[in-house]
Amino acid sequence: MSAQEFAQKHKLLECIHCGICTGSCPVARKAALNIRKYMREVSVGGKLTIHPQDELWSCTTCATCGIRCPKEILPYDFLIDIRGLAVEQGRIATTLRDALESIFKNGNPWGRVRSKRSDWARDLNIKHVSQGVEFLYFVGCTPAYDPRIQDVTRSLVQLFEKTGVSFGTLGDEENCCGNEVYGMGEKGLFEFLVEENMKLFNKHEVKQVVTSCPHSYHSFKNKYGQTKFEIFHHTQLLADLIDEDRLRFSKRLDKTVVYHDPCFIGKQNNIYDEPRKVIEGIPGTKLVEFERSRERSLCCEGGGGRMWIDISGDRLAEARVKDAAEAGAEILVAACPFCVLTFEDAVKTAGLEGKLQILDVAELVSQAI
């Protein structure tokens, strides 16, 4: 694609150079990420330049720049296409390359074999989706393989069983959803994953999907095109179960909790009320808010392939856990596997171990049923 085609595709000539995209970017200052500079190079200078690693890969694809742009340009999507050039030319970090290769070979970015994907459920009696269930529980790569996030996965299964949700999984057939593949610019691999996953979903006549991963939710809802299934984030389903009087709480927690809005269900999909409804329904729980919450929520810095590349500078997750402590929270609740992992690391580096606990919404709820 030429520089002119890039400019036309991303509406770069409509940019009024107001600076809102760079000014609102959570990582702009730490990595000299100046999206306007890149856009100007293409639209005015006619150059397609692959910039230094810290600049090109610092973007988390949180979408703040696109949401706030007065001309409705999507600067982060432009940056994803520049990443695509870097991928094509092999000019990417080995950790990113290894993650992409593992997704192609094993269906996950963590270098784990496909036959281990459902090991988290080895001692659980979980049906396969082909056994006539209502929901496909799409587990996702990180919830399936990461030992810490497996606790979230098992908590959610417990809640499904307690509330009588008819669900099944794909077992070892499950594949990567491809959301981070798209964010890393490897759109060819992403399209391959879409095709393979849709074949699998159609094969098993999937009508409803629930996932605990906002990245999978966003990918299925907004990147897969026309689909025959309805997609739910687990916080939406839990809120529905409360409305239906199927999710009941029998224990008090008596904790002060702050909720972090993940970018991929918050900014990008406007899911704000359901997680709060679930948390506030727990007896004894006091919900406080971050100063930067809802559409102003600060990114955890885990999206856009950032889980597989180290960028120098201060960590947004560390700022977030410090803000949680200042808000008086005992528990920082998230609804995304990447957020849980980045916040748990940040608690250690910020010296907040023993003072601030990190939990997913499903884990918090499981403590109160």
Protein backbone atom coordinates (compact mmCIF):
# COMPACT_ATOMS: atom_id res chain seq x y z
CA MET A 1 0.00 0.00 0.00
CA SER A 2 1.38 3.43 -0.97
CA ALA A 3 1.55 6.45 1.30
CA GLN A 4 -1.33 8.01 -0.64
CA GLU A 5 -3.47 4.90 -0.16
CA PHE A 6 -2.62 4.92 3.54
CA ALA A 7 -3.70 8.55 3.78
CA GLN A 8 -6.99 7.85 2.01
CA LYS A 9 -7.77 4.72 4.01
CA HIS A 10 -7.29 6.44 7.36
CA LYS A 11 -8.71 9.87 6.37
CA LEU A 12 -5.41 11.52 7.28
CA LEU A 13 -6.04 14.59 5.13
CA GLU A 14 -9.02 15.38 7.37
CA CYS A 15 -6.74 15.76 10.40
CA ILE A 16 -6.89 19.34 11.77
CA HIS A 17 -3.75 18.86 13.92
CA CYS A 18 -5.55 19.77 17.12
CA GLY A 19 -3.28 17.51 19.18
CA ILE A 20 -6.10 15.77 21.05
CA CYS A 21 -4.94 12.30 19.97
CA THR A 22 -1.41 12.72 21.29
CA GLY A 23 -2.56 14.75 24.29
CA SER A 24 -5.03 12.09 25.38
CA CYS A 25 -2.74 9.12 24.72
CA PRO A 26 -1.80 7.45 28.03
CA VAL A 27 1.67 6.44 26.78
CA ALA A 28 2.57 9.43 24.57
CA ARG A 29 4.86 11.15 27.03
CA LYS A 30 6.80 8.10 28.14
CA ALA A 31 7.59 6.79 24.66
CA ALA A 32 7.63 9.94 22.57
CA LEU A 33 4.60 8.52 20.78
CA ASN A 34 3.41 11.36 18.57
CA ILE A 35 0.72 9.94 16.34
CA ARG A 36 0.22 13.28 14.58
CA LYS A 37 3.86 13.24 13.51
CA TYR A 38 3.42 9.85 11.84
CA MET A 39 0.18 10.92 10.21
CA ARG A 40 1.79 14.10 8.88
CA GLU A 41 4.71 12.13 7.41
CA VAL A 42 2.29 10.02 5.41
CA SER A 43 -0.31 12.62 4.39
CA VAL A 44 2.04 15.53 3.68
CA GLY A 45 5.47 14.01 3.19
CA GLY A 46 4.34 10.86 1.42
CA LYS A 47 6.62 8.69 3.57
CA LEU A 48 5.83 5.35 5.21
CA THR A 49 8.34 5.18 8.04
CA ILE A 50 8.80 2.42 10.60
CA HIS A 51 9.81 4.29 13.72
CA PRO A 52 11.93 3.03 16.66
CA GLN A 53 10.55 0.11 18.65
CA ASP A 54 9.57 2.06 21.79
CA GLU A 55 7.51 4.46 19.70
CA LEU A 56 5.82 2.01 17.35
CA TRP A 57 5.00 -0.62 19.96
CA SER A 58 4.14 1.55 22.96
CA CYS A 59 0.53 1.95 21.71
CA THR A 60 -1.86 -0.30 23.63
CA THR A 61 -4.72 0.15 21.09
CA CYS A 62 -6.89 1.39 23.97
CA ALA A 63 -8.76 3.58 21.43
CA THR A 64 -8.73 6.77 23.52
CA CYS A 65 -7.32 8.75 20.60
CA GLY A 66 -10.07 7.59 18.26
CA ILE A 67 -12.84 8.18 20.78
CA ARG A 68 -11.74 11.77 21.38
CA CYS A 69 -10.83 12.76 17.82
CA PRO A 70 -13.22 15.54 16.67
CA LYS A 71 -12.86 14.37 13.04
CA GLU A 72 -13.62 10.72 13.89
CA ILE A 73 -10.21 9.53 12.67
CA LEU A 74 -8.82 6.35 14.26
CA PRO A 75 -5.11 7.08 14.80
CA TYR A 76 -4.49 3.78 16.60
CA ASP A 77 -5.81 1.86 13.59
CA PHE A 78 -3.38 3.78 11.39
CA LEU A 79 -0.58 2.77 13.74
CA ILE A 80 -1.67 -0.88 13.52
CA ASP A 81 -1.20 -0.74 9.75
CA ILE A 82 2.32 0.69 10.23
CA ARG A 83 2.99 -2.26 12.54
CA GLY A 84 1.82 -4.49 9.72
CA LEU A 85 4.65 -3.16 7.58
CA ALA A 86 7.13 -3.92 10.36
CA VAL A 87 5.77 -7.47 10.64
CA GLU A 88 6.02 -7.99 6.87
CA GLN A 89 9.64 -6.85 6.92
CA GLY A 90 10.53 -8.91 10.00
CA ARG A 91 11.42 -5.77 11.93
CA ILE A 92 9.81 -6.78 15.22
CA ALA A 93 11.06 -7.94 18.60
CA THR A 94 11.74 -11.66 18.92
CA THR A 95 9.14 -11.91 21.70
CA LEU A 96 6.44 -10.59 19.36
CA ARG A 97 7.60 -12.87 16.56
CA ASP A 98 7.53 -15.88 18.89
CA ALA A 99 4.02 -15.01 20.09
CA LEU A 100 2.73 -14.78 16.51
CA GLU A 101 4.42 -18.03 15.51
CA SER A 102 2.96 -19.81 18.53
CA ILE A 103 -0.53 -18.58 17.64
CA PHE A 104 -0.18 -19.97 14.13
CA LYS A 105 1.25 -23.31 15.28
CA ASN A 106 -0.49 -23.86 18.63
CA GLY A 107 -3.49 -21.53 18.68
CA ASN A 108 -2.12 -19.46 21.57
CA PRO A 109 0.61 -16.82 22.08
CA TRP A 110 2.18 -18.40 25.15
CA GLY A 111 4.22 -21.14 23.48
CA ARG A 112 2.06 -23.88 24.99
CA VAL A 113 0.88 -26.96 23.12
CA ARG A 114 -2.77 -27.15 22.10
CA SER A 115 -3.30 -30.45 23.94
CA LYS A 116 -2.79 -28.63 27.26
CA ARG A 117 -5.43 -25.98 26.60
CA SER A 118 -8.12 -27.58 28.76
CA ASP A 119 -5.84 -28.83 31.55
CA TRP A 120 -7.34 -26.16 33.83
CA ALA A 121 -10.61 -28.17 33.76
CA ARG A 122 -9.10 -31.63 34.21
CA ASP A 123 -10.87 -32.30 37.55
CA LEU A 124 -14.10 -30.56 36.53
CA ASN A 125 -17.04 -32.18 34.80
CA ILE A 126 -17.52 -29.64 32.01
CA LYS A 127 -19.54 -30.48 28.93
CA HIS A 128 -18.34 -29.98 25.39
CA VAL A 129 -20.34 -27.38 23.50
CA SER A 130 -21.55 -30.09 21.10
CA GLN A 131 -23.60 -31.66 23.93
CA GLY A 132 -26.61 -29.42 23.49
CA VAL A 133 -25.83 -26.47 25.78
CA GLU A 134 -27.14 -22.90 25.73
CA PHE A 135 -23.83 -21.04 25.93
CA LEU A 136 -20.38 -21.62 24.58
CA TYR A 137 -17.96 -20.49 27.26
CA PHE A 138 -15.07 -19.22 25.17
CA VAL A 139 -12.24 -19.42 27.67
CA GLY A 140 -9.47 -17.62 25.77
CA CYS A 141 -5.72 -18.15 25.68
CA THR A 142 -4.60 -16.42 28.87
CA PRO A 143 -7.48 -17.75 31.03
CA ALA A 144 -6.74 -21.26 29.73
CA TYR A 145 -2.97 -21.28 30.22
CA ASP A 146 -1.93 -18.73 32.83
CA PRO A 147 -1.95 -20.25 36.37
CA ARG A 148 -3.14 -17.02 38.01
CA ILE A 149 -5.99 -16.43 35.55
CA GLN A 150 -7.06 -20.06 35.73
CA ASP A 151 -8.41 -19.10 39.18
CA VAL A 152 -10.76 -16.67 37.42
CA THR A 153 -11.78 -19.34 34.93
CA ARG A 154 -12.59 -21.83 37.65
CA SER A 155 -14.48 -19.21 39.69
CA LEU A 156 -16.66 -18.41 36.69
CA VAL A 157 -17.38 -22.09 36.08
CA GLN A 158 -18.41 -22.37 39.72
CA LEU A 159 -20.82 -19.46 39.29
CA PHE A 160 -22.29 -20.96 36.13
CA GLU A 161 -22.89 -24.25 37.91
CA LYS A 162 -24.39 -22.57 41.00
CA THR A 163 -26.82 -20.53 38.93
CA GLY A 164 -27.79 -23.29 36.52
CA VAL A 165 -26.27 -21.78 33.38
CA SER A 166 -26.20 -24.35 30.60
CA PHE A 167 -22.71 -24.07 29.15
CA GLY A 168 -19.94 -25.99 27.49
CA THR A 169 -16.47 -25.31 26.12
CA LEU A 170 -14.56 -26.24 22.99
CA GLY A 171 -11.93 -28.06 25.05
CA ASP A 172 -8.66 -28.43 23.18
CA GLU A 173 -10.40 -27.42 19.94
CA GLU A 174 -10.49 -23.81 21.11
CA ASN A 175 -8.31 -21.40 19.18
CA CYS A 176 -6.95 -17.89 19.72
CA CYS A 177 -9.60 -15.23 19.06
CA GLY A 178 -6.99 -13.15 17.21
CA ASN A 179 -7.63 -9.77 18.81
CA GLU A 180 -4.01 -9.14 19.78
CA VAL A 181 -2.87 -10.54 16.43
CA TYR A 182 -4.89 -7.76 14.81
CA GLY A 183 -3.43 -5.22 17.23
CA MET A 184 0.09 -6.33 16.30
CA GLY A 185 -0.66 -5.70 12.64
CA GLU A 186 -0.64 -9.33 11.43
CA LYS A 187 -3.96 -9.07 9.64
CA GLY A 188 -3.31 -12.06 7.41
CA LEU A 189 -3.03 -14.33 10.45
CA PHE A 190 -6.06 -12.63 11.97
CA GLU A 191 -8.19 -13.43 8.91
CA PHE A 192 -6.99 -17.03 9.06
CA LEU A 193 -8.10 -17.25 12.71
CA VAL A 194 -11.48 -15.72 11.90
CA GLU A 195 -12.04 -18.32 9.18
CA GLU A 196 -10.97 -21.23 11.38
CA ASN A 197 -13.01 -20.08 14.38
CA MET A 198 -16.14 -19.48 12.35
CA LYS A 199 -15.85 -22.97 10.86
CA LEU A 200 -15.64 -24.34 14.40
CA PHE A 201 -18.55 -22.26 15.72
CA ASN A 202 -20.74 -23.17 12.76
CA LYS A 203 -19.82 -26.83 13.08
CA HIS A 204 -21.14 -26.86 16.65
CA GLU A 205 -24.09 -24.56 15.84
CA VAL A 206 -23.05 -22.01 18.45
CA LYS A 207 -25.79 -19.45 19.13
CA GLN A 208 -24.57 -17.68 22.29
CA VAL A 209 -21.02 -17.09 23.49
CA VAL A 210 -19.84 -15.83 26.87
CA THR A 211 -16.23 -14.92 27.56
CA SER A 212 -14.34 -13.43 30.50
CA CYS A 213 -11.83 -11.77 28.16
CA PRO A 214 -12.71 -8.27 26.87
CA HIS A 215 -10.29 -8.77 23.97
CA SER A 216 -12.20 -11.84 22.78
CA TYR A 217 -15.50 -10.02 23.31
CA HIS A 218 -14.34 -7.05 21.23
CA SER A 219 -12.90 -9.23 18.50
CA PHE A 220 -16.02 -11.37 18.10
CA LYS A 221 -18.39 -8.41 18.25
CA ASN A 222 -16.54 -5.86 16.14
CA LYS A 223 -13.87 -7.58 14.05
CA TYR A 224 -15.45 -10.82 12.85
CA GLY A 225 -18.07 -9.23 10.58
CA GLN A 226 -21.39 -11.01 10.19
CA THR A 227 -21.74 -13.74 12.83
CA LYS A 228 -24.57 -16.07 13.73
CA PHE A 229 -23.99 -15.93 17.47
CA GLU A 230 -24.66 -13.44 20.25
CA ILE A 231 -21.68 -12.46 22.38
CA PHE A 232 -21.69 -11.65 26.12
CA HIS A 233 -18.95 -10.54 28.49
CA HIS A 234 -19.17 -12.45 31.76
CA THR A 235 -20.08 -9.29 33.70
CA GLN A 236 -23.12 -8.84 31.46
CA LEU A 237 -24.25 -12.40 32.05
CA LEU A 238 -23.73 -12.12 35.81
CA ALA A 239 -25.79 -8.91 35.87
CA ASP A 240 -28.56 -10.71 33.96
CA LEU A 241 -28.46 -13.58 36.47
CA ILE A 242 -28.98 -11.08 39.30
CA ASP A 243 -31.99 -9.62 37.47
CA GLU A 244 -33.41 -13.12 37.04
CA ASP A 245 -32.87 -13.84 40.77
CA ARG A 246 -30.65 -16.78 39.87
CA LEU A 247 -27.48 -15.27 41.32
CA ARG A 248 -27.97 -14.82 45.06
CA PHE A 249 -25.45 -13.82 47.70
CA SER A 250 -25.27 -15.57 51.05
CA LYS A 251 -22.17 -13.92 52.54
CA ARG A 252 -21.07 -10.40 53.41
CA LEU A 253 -17.66 -9.21 52.29
CA ASP A 254 -17.43 -5.88 54.14
CA LYS A 255 -14.68 -4.62 51.88
CA THR A 256 -13.98 -1.34 50.11
CA VAL A 257 -13.66 -2.08 46.41
CA VAL A 258 -12.64 -0.01 43.40
CA TYR A 259 -13.50 -1.17 39.90
CA HIS A 260 -11.19 -0.66 36.92
CA ASP A 261 -12.87 -0.28 33.50
CA PRO A 262 -10.94 -2.40 30.95
CA CYS A 263 -10.45 -0.56 27.65
CA PHE A 264 -11.89 -3.29 25.45
CA ILE A 265 -15.28 -3.51 27.18
CA GLY A 266 -15.30 0.06 28.48
CA LYS A 267 -14.06 2.62 25.97
CA GLN A 268 -14.59 0.35 22.99
CA ASN A 269 -17.94 -1.25 23.88
CA ASN A 270 -19.59 0.94 26.55
CA ILE A 271 -19.95 -1.80 29.16
CA TYR A 272 -19.80 0.25 32.34
CA ASP A 273 -22.91 -0.36 34.41
CA GLU A 274 -23.11 -4.16 34.48
CA PRO A 275 -19.85 -4.80 36.37
CA ARG A 276 -20.75 -2.14 38.93
CA LYS A 277 -24.23 -3.60 39.36
CA VAL A 278 -22.71 -6.99 40.17
CA ILE A 279 -20.23 -5.55 42.66
CA GLU A 280 -22.80 -3.35 44.38
CA GLY A 281 -25.12 -6.33 44.75
CA ILE A 282 -22.67 -8.07 47.09
CA PRO A 283 -23.72 -7.47 50.72
CA GLY A 284 -21.35 -5.27 52.69
CA THR A 285 -19.33 -4.18 49.68
CA LYS A 286 -18.54 -0.48 49.39
CA LEU A 287 -17.76 0.56 45.81
CA VAL A 288 -15.55 3.61 45.36
CA GLU A 289 -14.50 5.12 42.05
CA PHE A 290 -11.21 6.11 40.50
CA GLU A 291 -10.91 9.76 39.58
CA ARG A 292 -10.28 8.44 36.06
CA SER A 293 -13.10 5.97 35.50
CA ARG A 294 -15.50 4.84 32.78
CA GLU A 295 -14.52 6.47 29.45
CA ARG A 296 -11.64 8.25 31.20
CA SER A 297 -10.23 5.01 32.64
CA LEU A 298 -6.45 4.66 32.48
CA CYS A 299 -5.26 1.73 30.37
CA CYS A 300 -3.49 -1.12 32.21
CA GLU A 301 -0.99 -1.21 29.31
CA GLY A 302 -1.64 -4.83 28.38
CA GLY A 303 -3.33 -4.52 24.98
CA GLY A 304 -2.02 -4.22 21.44
CA GLY A 305 0.60 -6.92 21.90
CA ARG A 306 2.13 -5.17 24.90
CA MET A 307 2.02 -8.41 26.93
CA TRP A 308 4.84 -9.70 24.69
CA ILE A 309 7.16 -6.73 24.46
CA ASP A 310 8.89 -4.69 27.15
CA ILE A 311 8.82 -0.92 26.67
CA SER A 312 10.95 1.23 28.94
CA GLY A 313 9.46 3.87 31.23
CA ASP A 314 6.93 4.18 34.03
CA ARG A 315 4.12 1.65 34.12
CA LEU A 316 0.50 2.73 33.81
CA ALA A 317 -0.53 -0.25 35.93
CA GLU A 318 1.65 1.03 38.75
CA ALA A 319 -0.04 4.43 38.60
CA ARG A 320 -3.38 2.64 38.67
CA VAL A 321 -2.72 0.57 41.79
CA LYS A 322 -1.38 3.66 43.59
CA ASP A 323 -4.58 5.48 42.67
CA ALA A 324 -6.59 2.54 44.03
CA ALA A 325 -4.73 2.68 47.35
CA GLU A 326 -5.25 6.45 47.57
CA ALA A 327 -8.97 5.91 46.99
CA GLY A 328 -9.03 3.76 50.12
CA ALA A 329 -9.68 0.47 48.32
CA GLU A 330 -8.79 -2.85 49.86
CA ILE A 331 -9.56 -4.69 46.63
CA LEU A 332 -8.97 -3.55 43.05
CA VAL A 333 -11.46 -5.42 40.87
CA ALA A 334 -10.91 -5.88 37.16
CA ALA A 335 -12.77 -7.76 34.45
CA CYS A 336 -9.92 -8.67 32.10
CA PRO A 337 -7.08 -11.21 32.37
CA PHE A 338 -4.46 -8.72 31.16
CA CYS A 339 -5.56 -6.16 33.75
CA VAL A 340 -5.36 -8.70 36.57
CA LEU A 341 -1.85 -9.74 35.56
CA THR A 342 -0.45 -6.23 35.06
CA PHE A 343 -1.99 -4.99 38.31
CA GLU A 344 -0.64 -7.91 40.33
CA ASP A 345 2.86 -7.16 39.04
CA ALA A 346 2.33 -3.47 39.79
CA VAL A 347 1.27 -4.19 43.39
CA LYS A 348 4.68 -5.76 43.94
CA THR A 349 6.72 -3.01 42.29
CA ALA A 350 4.70 -0.28 44.03
CA GLY A 351 5.26 -1.80 47.48
CA LEU A 352 1.56 -2.48 48.05
CA GLU A 353 1.73 -6.22 48.76
CA GLY A 354 -0.55 -7.09 51.65
CA LYS A 355 -2.34 -3.75 51.29
CA LEU A 356 -4.19 -4.11 47.99
CA GLN A 357 -5.70 -7.30 46.59
CA ILE A 358 -6.35 -7.80 42.86
CA LEU A 359 -9.42 -9.83 41.87
CA ASP A 360 -11.59 -10.39 38.83
CA VAL A 361 -15.31 -9.74 39.21
CA ALA A 362 -15.97 -13.49 39.05
CA GLU A 363 -13.55 -14.14 41.92
CA LEU A 364 -15.14 -11.45 44.05
CA VAL A 365 -18.62 -12.82 43.43
CA SER A 366 -17.55 -16.40 44.17
CA GLN A 367 -16.50 -15.29 47.66
CA ALA A 368 -20.03 -14.12 48.44
CA ILE A 369 -22.23 -16.96 47.20
